[in-house]
């Protein structure tokens, strides 16, 4: 199962090295370490995290353009993302 692991380089609770350790235990895992971000990347840099998740899903799913948005389906997940020019 493709897995995206996001970790803040400035995380003072869980060391970023845990992300690499965890990824070694999962087939098809990708680690992205985020500069200047701590323990809550989805709060600290929500737009950046959303972009990374969207990119990850786009790389792995079948997308269909619908007007100014792209609908991505991945298993039971359906995500509608604005099309970026």
C-alpha atoms as a PDB file:
ATOM      1  CA  UNK A   1       0.000   0.000   0.000  1.00  0.00           C
ATOM      2  CA  UNK A   2       1.512   3.340  -0.972  1.00  0.00           C
ATOM      3  CA  UNK A   3       2.065   5.436   2.140  1.00  0.00           C
ATOM      4  CA  UNK A   4       3.068   9.073   2.585  1.00  0.00           C
ATOM      5  CA  UNK A   5       4.776   9.869   5.881  1.00  0.00           C
ATOM      6  CA  UNK A   6       5.070  13.568   6.702  1.00  0.00           C
ATOM      7  CA  UNK A   7       7.244  14.700   9.589  1.00  0.00           C
ATOM      8  CA  UNK A   8       8.304  18.118  10.784  1.00  0.00           C
ATOM      9  CA  UNK A   9      12.057  18.558  11.091  1.00  0.00           C
ATOM     10  CA  UNK A  10      11.460  20.743  14.167  1.00  0.00           C
ATOM     11  CA  UNK A  11       9.239  18.172  15.915  1.00  0.00           C
ATOM     12  CA  UNK A  12      10.219  18.218  19.589  1.00  0.00           C
ATOM     13  CA  UNK A  13       7.922  15.318  20.527  1.00  0.00           C
ATOM     14  CA  UNK A  14       8.656  12.632  17.917  1.00  0.00           C
ATOM     15  CA  UNK A  15      12.114  12.748  16.351  1.00  0.00           C
ATOM     16  CA  UNK A  16      12.042  12.931  12.530  1.00  0.00           C
ATOM     17  CA  UNK A  17      14.257   9.830  12.454  1.00  0.00           C
ATOM     18  CA  UNK A  18      11.191   7.819  13.453  1.00  0.00           C
ATOM     19  CA  UNK A  19       9.662   8.592  10.054  1.00  0.00           C
ATOM     20  CA  UNK A  20      12.544   6.888   8.251  1.00  0.00           C
ATOM     21  CA  UNK A  21      12.456   3.971  10.681  1.00  0.00           C
ATOM     22  CA  UNK A  22       8.725   3.565  10.137  1.00  0.00           C
ATOM     23  CA  UNK A  23       9.104   3.809   6.345  1.00  0.00           C
ATOM     24  CA  UNK A  24      11.641   0.989   6.319  1.00  0.00           C
ATOM     25  CA  UNK A  25       8.925  -1.270   7.731  1.00  0.00           C
ATOM     26  CA  UNK A  26       6.391  -0.401   5.030  1.00  0.00           C
ATOM     27  CA  UNK A  27       6.622  -1.336   1.383  1.00  0.00           C
ATOM     28  CA  UNK A  28       6.102   1.633  -0.938  1.00  0.00           C
ATOM     29  CA  UNK A  29       6.440   4.301   1.754  1.00  0.00           C
ATOM     30  CA  UNK A  30       7.641   7.819   1.000  1.00  0.00           C
ATOM     31  CA  UNK A  31       8.991  10.140   3.706  1.00  0.00           C
ATOM     32  CA  UNK A  32       8.848  13.904   3.383  1.00  0.00           C
ATOM     33  CA  UNK A  33      10.579  15.926   6.105  1.00  0.00           C
ATOM     34  CA  UNK A  34       9.250  19.464   6.376  1.00  0.00           C
ATOM     35  CA  UNK A  35      11.580  22.369   7.207  1.00  0.00           C
ATOM     36  CA  UNK A  36      10.553  24.688  10.031  1.00  0.00           C
ATOM     37  CA  UNK A  37       7.568  22.562  11.022  1.00  0.00           C
ATOM     38  CA  UNK A  38       7.050  20.857  14.380  1.00  0.00           C
ATOM     39  CA  UNK A  39       4.719  18.160  15.679  1.00  0.00           C
ATOM     40  CA  UNK A  40       1.499  19.312  13.974  1.00  0.00           C
ATOM     41  CA  UNK A  41       2.297  19.925  10.305  1.00  0.00           C
ATOM     42  CA  UNK A  42      -1.374  19.770   9.279  1.00  0.00           C
ATOM     43  CA  UNK A  43      -2.052  22.762  11.590  1.00  0.00           C
ATOM     44  CA  UNK A  44       1.234  24.628  11.229  1.00  0.00           C
ATOM     45  CA  UNK A  45       1.332  24.534   7.420  1.00  0.00           C
ATOM     46  CA  UNK A  46      -2.075  23.238   6.331  1.00  0.00           C
ATOM     47  CA  UNK A  47      -1.802  24.463   2.731  1.00  0.00           C
ATOM     48  CA  UNK A  48       1.635  22.901   2.271  1.00  0.00           C
ATOM     49  CA  UNK A  49       0.488  19.579   3.736  1.00  0.00           C
ATOM     50  CA  UNK A  50      -2.673  19.589   1.599  1.00  0.00           C
ATOM     51  CA  UNK A  51      -0.538  20.208  -1.486  1.00  0.00           C
ATOM     52  CA  UNK A  52       1.800  17.340  -0.640  1.00  0.00           C
ATOM     53  CA  UNK A  53      -1.099  14.966   0.009  1.00  0.00           C
ATOM     54  CA  UNK A  54      -2.796  16.044  -3.213  1.00  0.00           C
ATOM     55  CA  UNK A  55       0.421  15.493  -5.176  1.00  0.00           C
ATOM     56  CA  UNK A  56       0.863  12.064  -3.573  1.00  0.00           C
ATOM     57  CA  UNK A  57      -2.692  11.067  -4.511  1.00  0.00           C
ATOM     58  CA  UNK A  58      -2.410  12.467  -8.032  1.00  0.00           C
ATOM     59  CA  UNK A  59       0.736  10.395  -8.593  1.00  0.00           C
ATOM     60  CA  UNK A  60      -1.081   7.211  -7.625  1.00  0.00           C
ATOM     61  CA  UNK A  61      -4.687   7.594  -8.691  1.00  0.00           C
ATOM     62  CA  UNK A  62      -6.772   7.973 -11.791  1.00  0.00           C
ATOM     63  CA  UNK A  63      -7.908  11.575 -12.063  1.00  0.00           C
ATOM     64  CA  UNK A  64     -10.658  13.090 -14.174  1.00  0.00           C
ATOM     65  CA  UNK A  65     -10.753  16.799 -14.962  1.00  0.00           C
ATOM     66  CA  UNK A  66     -14.078  18.465 -14.186  1.00  0.00           C
ATOM     67  CA  UNK A  67     -14.109  22.171 -14.966  1.00  0.00           C
ATOM     68  CA  UNK A  68     -11.756  23.949 -12.617  1.00  0.00           C
ATOM     69  CA  UNK A  69     -11.221  20.901 -10.386  1.00  0.00           C
ATOM     70  CA  UNK A  70      -9.844  17.399 -10.620  1.00  0.00           C
ATOM     71  CA  UNK A  71     -11.631  14.489  -8.985  1.00  0.00           C
ATOM     72  CA  UNK A  72      -9.276  11.786  -7.777  1.00  0.00           C
ATOM     73  CA  UNK A  73     -10.487   8.340  -6.839  1.00  0.00           C
ATOM     74  CA  UNK A  74      -8.273   5.990  -4.896  1.00  0.00           C
ATOM     75  CA  UNK A  75     -10.069   2.927  -3.604  1.00  0.00           C
ATOM     76  CA  UNK A  76     -13.025   4.192  -1.571  1.00  0.00           C
ATOM     77  CA  UNK A  77     -11.510   7.682  -1.296  1.00  0.00           C
ATOM     78  CA  UNK A  78     -12.838  10.406  -3.568  1.00  0.00           C
ATOM     79  CA  UNK A  79     -11.095  13.768  -3.394  1.00  0.00           C
ATOM     80  CA  UNK A  80     -11.912  16.896  -5.382  1.00  0.00           C
ATOM     81  CA  UNK A  81      -8.951  19.261  -5.788  1.00  0.00           C
ATOM     82  CA  UNK A  82      -8.828  22.619  -7.539  1.00  0.00           C
ATOM     83  CA  UNK A  83      -6.861  22.529 -10.758  1.00  0.00           C
ATOM     84  CA  UNK A  84      -3.722  24.637 -10.391  1.00  0.00           C
ATOM     85  CA  UNK A  85      -2.518  26.558 -13.424  1.00  0.00           C
END
